[in-house]
mmCIF file of all heavy atoms, coordinates in Angstrom:
data_MODEL
# 
_entry.id   MODEL 
# 
loop_
_atom_site.group_PDB 
_atom_site.id 
_atom_site.type_symbol 
_atom_site.label_atom_id 
_atom_site.label_alt_id 
_atom_site.label_comp_id 
_atom_site.label_asym_id 
_atom_site.label_entity_id 
_atom_site.label_seq_id 
_atom_site.pdbx_PDB_ins_code 
_atom_site.Cartn_x 
_atom_site.Cartn_y 
_atom_site.Cartn_z 
_atom_site.occupancy 
_atom_site.B_iso_or_equiv 
_atom_site.pdbx_formal_charge 
_atom_site.auth_seq_id 
_atom_site.auth_comp_id 
_atom_site.auth_asym_id 
_atom_site.auth_atom_id 
_atom_site.pdbx_PDB_model_num 
ATOM 1   N N   . ALA A 1 1  ? -6.724  -15.961 -7.381  1.00 0.00 ? 1  ALA A N   1 
ATOM 2   C CA  . ALA A 1 1  ? -6.247  -15.137 -8.498  1.00 0.00 ? 1  ALA A CA  1 
ATOM 3   C C   . ALA A 1 1  ? -6.666  -13.687 -8.314  1.00 0.00 ? 1  ALA A C   1 
ATOM 4   O O   . ALA A 1 1  ? -5.871  -12.760 -8.575  1.00 0.00 ? 1  ALA A O   1 
ATOM 5   C CB  . ALA A 1 1  ? -6.803  -15.684 -9.812  1.00 0.00 ? 1  ALA A CB  1 
ATOM 6   N N   . ARG A 1 2  ? -7.894  -13.446 -7.832  1.00 0.00 ? 2  ARG A N   1 
ATOM 7   C CA  . ARG A 1 2  ? -8.339  -12.059 -7.612  1.00 0.00 ? 2  ARG A CA  1 
ATOM 8   C C   . ARG A 1 2  ? -7.522  -11.391 -6.511  1.00 0.00 ? 2  ARG A C   1 
ATOM 9   O O   . ARG A 1 2  ? -7.132  -10.217 -6.629  1.00 0.00 ? 2  ARG A O   1 
ATOM 10  C CB  . ARG A 1 2  ? -9.823  -12.050 -7.252  1.00 0.00 ? 2  ARG A CB  1 
ATOM 11  C CG  . ARG A 1 2  ? -10.755 -12.396 -8.406  1.00 0.00 ? 2  ARG A CG  1 
ATOM 12  C CD  . ARG A 1 2  ? -12.196 -12.133 -8.025  1.00 0.00 ? 2  ARG A CD  1 
ATOM 13  N NE  . ARG A 1 2  ? -13.102 -12.403 -9.121  1.00 0.00 ? 2  ARG A NE  1 
ATOM 14  C CZ  . ARG A 1 2  ? -13.774 -13.523 -9.284  1.00 0.00 ? 2  ARG A CZ  1 
ATOM 15  N NH1 . ARG A 1 2  ? -13.642 -14.504 -8.413  1.00 0.00 ? 2  ARG A NH1 1 
ATOM 16  N NH2 . ARG A 1 2  ? -14.593 -13.693 -10.310 1.00 0.00 ? 2  ARG A NH2 1 
ATOM 17  N N   . LEU A 1 3  ? -7.273  -12.121 -5.423  1.00 0.00 ? 3  LEU A N   1 
ATOM 18  C CA  . LEU A 1 3  ? -6.457  -11.556 -4.343  1.00 0.00 ? 3  LEU A CA  1 
ATOM 19  C C   . LEU A 1 3  ? -5.048  -11.246 -4.829  1.00 0.00 ? 3  LEU A C   1 
ATOM 20  O O   . LEU A 1 3  ? -4.470  -10.204 -4.478  1.00 0.00 ? 3  LEU A O   1 
ATOM 21  C CB  . LEU A 1 3  ? -6.417  -12.534 -3.167  1.00 0.00 ? 3  LEU A CB  1 
ATOM 22  C CG  . LEU A 1 3  ? -7.730  -12.753 -2.410  1.00 0.00 ? 3  LEU A CG  1 
ATOM 23  C CD1 . LEU A 1 3  ? -7.563  -13.810 -1.327  1.00 0.00 ? 3  LEU A CD1 1 
ATOM 24  C CD2 . LEU A 1 3  ? -8.212  -11.439 -1.787  1.00 0.00 ? 3  LEU A CD2 1 
ATOM 25  N N   . ALA A 1 4  ? -4.485  -12.142 -5.631  1.00 0.00 ? 4  ALA A N   1 
ATOM 26  C CA  . ALA A 1 4  ? -3.144  -11.909 -6.164  1.00 0.00 ? 4  ALA A CA  1 
ATOM 27  C C   . ALA A 1 4  ? -3.126  -10.692 -7.082  1.00 0.00 ? 4  ALA A C   1 
ATOM 28  O O   . ALA A 1 4  ? -2.181  -9.884  -7.050  1.00 0.00 ? 4  ALA A O   1 
ATOM 29  C CB  . ALA A 1 4  ? -2.661  -13.145 -6.918  1.00 0.00 ? 4  ALA A CB  1 
ATOM 30  N N   . LEU A 1 5  ? -4.172  -10.514 -7.902  1.00 0.00 ? 5  LEU A N   1 
ATOM 31  C CA  . LEU A 1 5  ? -4.250  -9.352  -8.783  1.00 0.00 ? 5  LEU A CA  1 
ATOM 32  C C   . LEU A 1 5  ? -4.277  -8.051  -7.982  1.00 0.00 ? 5  LEU A C   1 
ATOM 33  O O   . LEU A 1 5  ? -3.574  -7.084  -8.305  1.00 0.00 ? 5  LEU A O   1 
ATOM 34  C CB  . LEU A 1 5  ? -5.503  -9.447  -9.660  1.00 0.00 ? 5  LEU A CB  1 
ATOM 35  C CG  . LEU A 1 5  ? -5.442  -10.372 -10.869 1.00 0.00 ? 5  LEU A CG  1 
ATOM 36  C CD1 . LEU A 1 5  ? -6.811  -10.473 -11.526 1.00 0.00 ? 5  LEU A CD1 1 
ATOM 37  C CD2 . LEU A 1 5  ? -4.422  -9.859  -11.871 1.00 0.00 ? 5  LEU A CD2 1 
ATOM 38  N N   . VAL A 1 6  ? -5.099  -8.029  -6.944  1.00 0.00 ? 6  VAL A N   1 
ATOM 39  C CA  . VAL A 1 6  ? -5.196  -6.826  -6.113  1.00 0.00 ? 6  VAL A CA  1 
ATOM 40  C C   . VAL A 1 6  ? -3.852  -6.517  -5.456  1.00 0.00 ? 6  VAL A C   1 
ATOM 41  O O   . VAL A 1 6  ? -3.382  -5.371  -5.447  1.00 0.00 ? 6  VAL A O   1 
ATOM 42  C CB  . VAL A 1 6  ? -6.299  -6.991  -5.057  1.00 0.00 ? 6  VAL A CB  1 
ATOM 43  C CG1 . VAL A 1 6  ? -6.285  -5.831  -4.075  1.00 0.00 ? 6  VAL A CG1 1 
ATOM 44  C CG2 . VAL A 1 6  ? -7.658  -7.099  -5.716  1.00 0.00 ? 6  VAL A CG2 1 
ATOM 45  N N   . LEU A 1 7  ? -3.210  -7.555  -4.920  1.00 0.00 ? 7  LEU A N   1 
ATOM 46  C CA  . LEU A 1 7  ? -1.939  -7.364  -4.236  1.00 0.00 ? 7  LEU A CA  1 
ATOM 47  C C   . LEU A 1 7  ? -0.863  -6.858  -5.191  1.00 0.00 ? 7  LEU A C   1 
ATOM 48  O O   . LEU A 1 7  ? -0.143  -5.890  -4.884  1.00 0.00 ? 7  LEU A O   1 
ATOM 49  C CB  . LEU A 1 7  ? -1.504  -8.682  -3.595  1.00 0.00 ? 7  LEU A CB  1 
ATOM 50  C CG  . LEU A 1 7  ? -0.205  -8.650  -2.767  1.00 0.00 ? 7  LEU A CG  1 
ATOM 51  C CD1 . LEU A 1 7  ? -0.366  -7.679  -1.601  1.00 0.00 ? 7  LEU A CD1 1 
ATOM 52  C CD2 . LEU A 1 7  ? 0.134   -10.042 -2.256  1.00 0.00 ? 7  LEU A CD2 1 
ATOM 53  N N   . VAL A 1 8  ? -0.766  -7.473  -6.365  1.00 0.00 ? 8  VAL A N   1 
ATOM 54  C CA  . VAL A 1 8  ? 0.244   -7.056  -7.343  1.00 0.00 ? 8  VAL A CA  1 
ATOM 55  C C   . VAL A 1 8  ? -0.019  -5.641  -7.829  1.00 0.00 ? 8  VAL A C   1 
ATOM 56  O O   . VAL A 1 8  ? 0.904   -4.826  -7.970  1.00 0.00 ? 8  VAL A O   1 
ATOM 57  C CB  . VAL A 1 8  ? 0.274   -8.050  -8.523  1.00 0.00 ? 8  VAL A CB  1 
ATOM 58  C CG1 . VAL A 1 8  ? 1.141   -7.513  -9.654  1.00 0.00 ? 8  VAL A CG1 1 
ATOM 59  C CG2 . VAL A 1 8  ? 0.808   -9.405  -8.070  1.00 0.00 ? 8  VAL A CG2 1 
ATOM 60  N N   . ALA A 1 9  ? -1.292  -5.316  -8.097  1.00 0.00 ? 9  ALA A N   1 
ATOM 61  C CA  . ALA A 1 9  ? -1.624  -3.972  -8.575  1.00 0.00 ? 9  ALA A CA  1 
ATOM 62  C C   . ALA A 1 9  ? -1.272  -2.915  -7.539  1.00 0.00 ? 9  ALA A C   1 
ATOM 63  O O   . ALA A 1 9  ? -0.700  -1.866  -7.874  1.00 0.00 ? 9  ALA A O   1 
ATOM 64  C CB  . ALA A 1 9  ? -3.109  -3.901  -8.926  1.00 0.00 ? 9  ALA A CB  1 
ATOM 65  N N   . VAL A 1 10 ? -1.599  -3.185  -6.270  1.00 0.00 ? 10 VAL A N   1 
ATOM 66  C CA  . VAL A 1 10 ? -1.292  -2.217  -5.209  1.00 0.00 ? 10 VAL A CA  1 
ATOM 67  C C   . VAL A 1 10 ? 0.217   -2.028  -5.077  1.00 0.00 ? 10 VAL A C   1 
ATOM 68  O O   . VAL A 1 10 ? 0.719   -0.889  -4.952  1.00 0.00 ? 10 VAL A O   1 
ATOM 69  C CB  . VAL A 1 10 ? -1.917  -2.673  -3.880  1.00 0.00 ? 10 VAL A CB  1 
ATOM 70  C CG1 . VAL A 1 10 ? -1.408  -1.817  -2.723  1.00 0.00 ? 10 VAL A CG1 1 
ATOM 71  C CG2 . VAL A 1 10 ? -3.429  -2.594  -3.958  1.00 0.00 ? 10 VAL A CG2 1 
ATOM 72  N N   . ILE A 1 11 ? 0.980   -3.107  -5.110  1.00 0.00 ? 11 ILE A N   1 
ATOM 73  C CA  . ILE A 1 11 ? 2.440   -3.011  -4.981  1.00 0.00 ? 11 ILE A CA  1 
ATOM 74  C C   . ILE A 1 11 ? 3.041   -2.236  -6.149  1.00 0.00 ? 11 ILE A C   1 
ATOM 75  O O   . ILE A 1 11 ? 3.912   -1.372  -5.967  1.00 0.00 ? 11 ILE A O   1 
ATOM 76  C CB  . ILE A 1 11 ? 3.047   -4.417  -4.882  1.00 0.00 ? 11 ILE A CB  1 
ATOM 77  C CG1 . ILE A 1 11 ? 2.665   -5.063  -3.539  1.00 0.00 ? 11 ILE A CG1 1 
ATOM 78  C CG2 . ILE A 1 11 ? 4.573   -4.359  -5.014  1.00 0.00 ? 11 ILE A CG2 1 
ATOM 79  C CD1 . ILE A 1 11 ? 3.135   -6.494  -3.396  1.00 0.00 ? 11 ILE A CD1 1 
ATOM 80  N N   . LEU A 1 12 ? 2.566   -2.498  -7.371  1.00 0.00 ? 12 LEU A N   1 
ATOM 81  C CA  . LEU A 1 12 ? 3.107   -1.793  -8.539  1.00 0.00 ? 12 LEU A CA  1 
ATOM 82  C C   . LEU A 1 12 ? 2.767   -0.305  -8.508  1.00 0.00 ? 12 LEU A C   1 
ATOM 83  O O   . LEU A 1 12 ? 3.605   0.534   -8.858  1.00 0.00 ? 12 LEU A O   1 
ATOM 84  C CB  . LEU A 1 12 ? 2.574   -2.431  -9.823  1.00 0.00 ? 12 LEU A CB  1 
ATOM 85  C CG  . LEU A 1 12 ? 3.096   -3.835  -10.154 1.00 0.00 ? 12 LEU A CG  1 
ATOM 86  C CD1 . LEU A 1 12 ? 2.413   -4.368  -11.407 1.00 0.00 ? 12 LEU A CD1 1 
ATOM 87  C CD2 . LEU A 1 12 ? 4.608   -3.815  -10.336 1.00 0.00 ? 12 LEU A CD2 1 
ATOM 88  N N   . VAL A 1 13 ? 1.548   0.025   -8.094  1.00 0.00 ? 13 VAL A N   1 
ATOM 89  C CA  . VAL A 1 13 ? 1.171   1.436   -8.007  1.00 0.00 ? 13 VAL A CA  1 
ATOM 90  C C   . VAL A 1 13 ? 2.015   2.148   -6.961  1.00 0.00 ? 13 VAL A C   1 
ATOM 91  O O   . VAL A 1 13 ? 2.529   3.260   -7.200  1.00 0.00 ? 13 VAL A O   1 
ATOM 92  C CB  . VAL A 1 13 ? -0.333  1.565   -7.691  1.00 0.00 ? 13 VAL A CB  1 
ATOM 93  C CG1 . VAL A 1 13 ? -0.688  3.007   -7.340  1.00 0.00 ? 13 VAL A CG1 1 
ATOM 94  C CG2 . VAL A 1 13 ? -1.163  1.116   -8.872  1.00 0.00 ? 13 VAL A CG2 1 
ATOM 95  N N   . LEU A 1 14 ? 2.164   1.537   -5.790  1.00 0.00 ? 14 LEU A N   1 
ATOM 96  C CA  . LEU A 1 14 ? 2.977   2.162   -4.742  1.00 0.00 ? 14 LEU A CA  1 
ATOM 97  C C   . LEU A 1 14 ? 4.433   2.288   -5.157  1.00 0.00 ? 14 LEU A C   1 
ATOM 98  O O   . LEU A 1 14 ? 5.103   3.267   -4.820  1.00 0.00 ? 14 LEU A O   1 
ATOM 99  C CB  . LEU A 1 14 ? 2.860   1.340   -3.447  1.00 0.00 ? 14 LEU A CB  1 
ATOM 100 C CG  . LEU A 1 14 ? 1.480   1.350   -2.768  1.00 0.00 ? 14 LEU A CG  1 
ATOM 101 C CD1 . LEU A 1 14 ? 1.493   0.425   -1.558  1.00 0.00 ? 14 LEU A CD1 1 
ATOM 102 C CD2 . LEU A 1 14 ? 1.098   2.763   -2.348  1.00 0.00 ? 14 LEU A CD2 1 
ATOM 103 N N   . ASP A 1 15 ? 4.934   1.304   -5.891  1.00 0.00 ? 15 ASP A N   1 
ATOM 104 C CA  . ASP A 1 15 ? 6.328   1.331   -6.310  1.00 0.00 ? 15 ASP A CA  1 
ATOM 105 C C   . ASP A 1 15 ? 6.608   2.461   -7.299  1.00 0.00 ? 15 ASP A C   1 
ATOM 106 O O   . ASP A 1 15 ? 7.751   2.931   -7.412  1.00 0.00 ? 15 ASP A O   1 
ATOM 107 C CB  . ASP A 1 15 ? 6.696   -0.017  -6.932  1.00 0.00 ? 15 ASP A CB  1 
ATOM 108 C CG  . ASP A 1 15 ? 8.193   -0.146  -7.171  1.00 0.00 ? 15 ASP A CG  1 
ATOM 109 O OD1 . ASP A 1 15 ? 8.974   0.213   -6.265  1.00 0.00 ? 15 ASP A OD1 1 
ATOM 110 O OD2 . ASP A 1 15 ? 8.582   -0.589  -8.273  1.00 0.00 ? 15 ASP A OD2 1 
ATOM 111 N N   . ASN A 1 16 ? 5.567   2.909   -8.027  1.00 0.00 ? 16 ASN A N   1 
ATOM 112 C CA  . ASN A 1 16 ? 5.755   3.974   -9.006  1.00 0.00 ? 16 ASN A CA  1 
ATOM 113 C C   . ASN A 1 16 ? 5.464   5.362   -8.451  1.00 0.00 ? 16 ASN A C   1 
ATOM 114 O O   . ASN A 1 16 ? 5.642   6.351   -9.162  1.00 0.00 ? 16 ASN A O   1 
ATOM 115 C CB  . ASN A 1 16 ? 4.849   3.731   -10.224 1.00 0.00 ? 16 ASN A CB  1 
ATOM 116 C CG  . ASN A 1 16 ? 5.410   2.678   -11.156 1.00 0.00 ? 16 ASN A CG  1 
ATOM 117 O OD1 . ASN A 1 16 ? 6.286   2.944   -11.966 1.00 0.00 ? 16 ASN A OD1 1 
ATOM 118 N ND2 . ASN A 1 16 ? 4.904   1.450   -11.020 1.00 0.00 ? 16 ASN A ND2 1 
ATOM 119 N N   . LEU A 1 17 ? 5.004   5.460   -7.215  1.00 0.00 ? 17 LEU A N   1 
ATOM 120 C CA  . LEU A 1 17 ? 4.767   6.768   -6.618  1.00 0.00 ? 17 LEU A CA  1 
ATOM 121 C C   . LEU A 1 17 ? 6.085   7.391   -6.186  1.00 0.00 ? 17 LEU A C   1 
ATOM 122 O O   . LEU A 1 17 ? 6.922   6.721   -5.566  1.00 0.00 ? 17 LEU A O   1 
ATOM 123 C CB  . LEU A 1 17 ? 3.831   6.639   -5.410  1.00 0.00 ? 17 LEU A CB  1 
ATOM 124 C CG  . LEU A 1 17 ? 2.377   6.264   -5.700  1.00 0.00 ? 17 LEU A CG  1 
ATOM 125 C CD1 . LEU A 1 17 ? 1.592   6.143   -4.413  1.00 0.00 ? 17 LEU A CD1 1 
ATOM 126 C CD2 . LEU A 1 17 ? 1.725   7.271   -6.635  1.00 0.00 ? 17 LEU A CD2 1 
ATOM 127 N N   . PRO A 1 18 ? 6.292   8.660   -6.479  1.00 0.00 ? 18 PRO A N   1 
ATOM 128 C CA  . PRO A 1 18 ? 7.552   9.315   -6.080  1.00 0.00 ? 18 PRO A CA  1 
ATOM 129 C C   . PRO A 1 18 ? 7.701   9.367   -4.566  1.00 0.00 ? 18 PRO A C   1 
ATOM 130 O O   . PRO A 1 18 ? 6.753   9.688   -3.842  1.00 0.00 ? 18 PRO A O   1 
ATOM 131 C CB  . PRO A 1 18 ? 7.416   10.729  -6.663  1.00 0.00 ? 18 PRO A CB  1 
ATOM 132 C CG  . PRO A 1 18 ? 6.376   10.615  -7.718  1.00 0.00 ? 18 PRO A CG  1 
ATOM 133 C CD  . PRO A 1 18 ? 5.437   9.556   -7.267  1.00 0.00 ? 18 PRO A CD  1 
ATOM 134 N N   . GLY A 1 19 ? 8.860   9.026   -4.091  1.00 0.00 ? 19 GLY A N   1 
ATOM 135 C CA  . GLY A 1 19 ? 9.154   9.124   -2.669  1.00 0.00 ? 19 GLY A CA  1 
ATOM 136 C C   . GLY A 1 19 ? 8.692   7.949   -1.840  1.00 0.00 ? 19 GLY A C   1 
ATOM 137 O O   . GLY A 1 19 ? 8.854   7.954   -0.609  1.00 0.00 ? 19 GLY A O   1 
ATOM 138 N N   . VAL A 1 20 ? 8.098   6.936   -2.439  1.00 0.00 ? 20 VAL A N   1 
ATOM 139 C CA  . VAL A 1 20 ? 7.625   5.759   -1.696  1.00 0.00 ? 20 VAL A CA  1 
ATOM 140 C C   . VAL A 1 20 ? 8.623   4.621   -1.881  1.00 0.00 ? 20 VAL A C   1 
ATOM 141 O O   . VAL A 1 20 ? 8.901   4.208   -3.007  1.00 0.00 ? 20 VAL A O   1 
ATOM 142 C CB  . VAL A 1 20 ? 6.223   5.324   -2.175  1.00 0.00 ? 20 VAL A CB  1 
ATOM 143 C CG1 . VAL A 1 20 ? 5.789   4.062   -1.437  1.00 0.00 ? 20 VAL A CG1 1 
ATOM 144 C CG2 . VAL A 1 20 ? 5.226   6.432   -1.953  1.00 0.00 ? 20 VAL A CG2 1 
ATOM 145 N N   . GLU A 1 21 ? 9.184   4.153   -0.771  1.00 0.00 ? 21 GLU A N   1 
ATOM 146 C CA  . GLU A 1 21 ? 10.096  3.016   -0.791  1.00 0.00 ? 21 GLU A CA  1 
ATOM 147 C C   . GLU A 1 21 ? 9.315   1.755   -0.440  1.00 0.00 ? 21 GLU A C   1 
ATOM 148 O O   . GLU A 1 21 ? 8.896   1.578   0.710   1.00 0.00 ? 21 GLU A O   1 
ATOM 149 C CB  . GLU A 1 21 ? 11.249  3.235   0.202   1.00 0.00 ? 21 GLU A CB  1 
ATOM 150 C CG  . GLU A 1 21 ? 12.196  4.359   -0.161  1.00 0.00 ? 21 GLU A CG  1 
ATOM 151 C CD  . GLU A 1 21 ? 12.997  4.052   -1.411  1.00 0.00 ? 21 GLU A CD  1 
ATOM 152 O OE1 . GLU A 1 21 ? 13.159  2.851   -1.730  1.00 0.00 ? 21 GLU A OE1 1 
ATOM 153 O OE2 . GLU A 1 21 ? 13.453  5.004   -2.071  1.00 0.00 ? 21 GLU A OE2 1 
ATOM 154 N N   . ILE A 1 22 ? 9.116   0.931   -1.431  1.00 0.00 ? 22 ILE A N   1 
ATOM 155 C CA  . ILE A 1 22 ? 8.263   -0.239  -1.236  1.00 0.00 ? 22 ILE A CA  1 
ATOM 156 C C   . ILE A 1 22 ? 8.855   -1.233  -0.255  1.00 0.00 ? 22 ILE A C   1 
ATOM 157 O O   . ILE A 1 22 ? 8.133   -1.904  0.487   1.00 0.00 ? 22 ILE A O   1 
ATOM 158 C CB  . ILE A 1 22 ? 7.980   -0.916  -2.603  1.00 0.00 ? 22 ILE A CB  1 
ATOM 159 C CG1 . ILE A 1 22 ? 6.854   -1.937  -2.472  1.00 0.00 ? 22 ILE A CG1 1 
ATOM 160 C CG2 . ILE A 1 22 ? 9.232   -1.546  -3.166  1.00 0.00 ? 22 ILE A CG2 1 
ATOM 161 C CD1 . ILE A 1 22 ? 5.527   -1.368  -2.136  1.00 0.00 ? 22 ILE A CD1 1 
ATOM 162 N N   . THR A 1 23 ? 10.187  -1.321  -0.210  1.00 0.00 ? 23 THR A N   1 
ATOM 163 C CA  . THR A 1 23 ? 10.823  -2.272  0.723   1.00 0.00 ? 23 THR A CA  1 
ATOM 164 C C   . THR A 1 23 ? 10.571  -1.877  2.176   1.00 0.00 ? 23 THR A C   1 
ATOM 165 O O   . THR A 1 23 ? 10.271  -2.716  3.029   1.00 0.00 ? 23 THR A O   1 
ATOM 166 C CB  . THR A 1 23 ? 12.320  -2.346  0.450   1.00 0.00 ? 23 THR A CB  1 
ATOM 167 O OG1 . THR A 1 23 ? 12.876  -1.024  0.491   1.00 0.00 ? 23 THR A OG1 1 
ATOM 168 C CG2 . THR A 1 23 ? 12.603  -2.967  -0.910  1.00 0.00 ? 23 THR A CG2 1 
ATOM 169 N N   . GLU A 1 24 ? 10.692  -0.565  2.467   1.00 0.00 ? 24 GLU A N   1 
ATOM 170 C CA  . GLU A 1 24 ? 10.423  -0.106  3.832   1.00 0.00 ? 24 GLU A CA  1 
ATOM 171 C C   . GLU A 1 24 ? 8.957   -0.277  4.189   1.00 0.00 ? 24 GLU A C   1 
ATOM 172 O O   . GLU A 1 24 ? 8.604   -0.602  5.324   1.00 0.00 ? 24 GLU A O   1 
ATOM 173 C CB  . GLU A 1 24 ? 10.824  1.362   3.966   1.00 0.00 ? 24 GLU A CB  1 
ATOM 174 C CG  . GLU A 1 24 ? 12.328  1.610   3.791   1.00 0.00 ? 24 GLU A CG  1 
ATOM 175 C CD  . GLU A 1 24 ? 12.670  3.089   3.921   1.00 0.00 ? 24 GLU A CD  1 
ATOM 176 O OE1 . GLU A 1 24 ? 11.723  3.861   4.163   1.00 0.00 ? 24 GLU A OE1 1 
ATOM 177 O OE2 . GLU A 1 24 ? 13.849  3.423   3.772   1.00 0.00 ? 24 GLU A OE2 1 
# 
């Protein structure tokens, strides 16, 4: 659960940064 939390948080933060394409 802790690993999943870290992974989800990092993905969501990166997805909201301008100019960052999470898929690439």
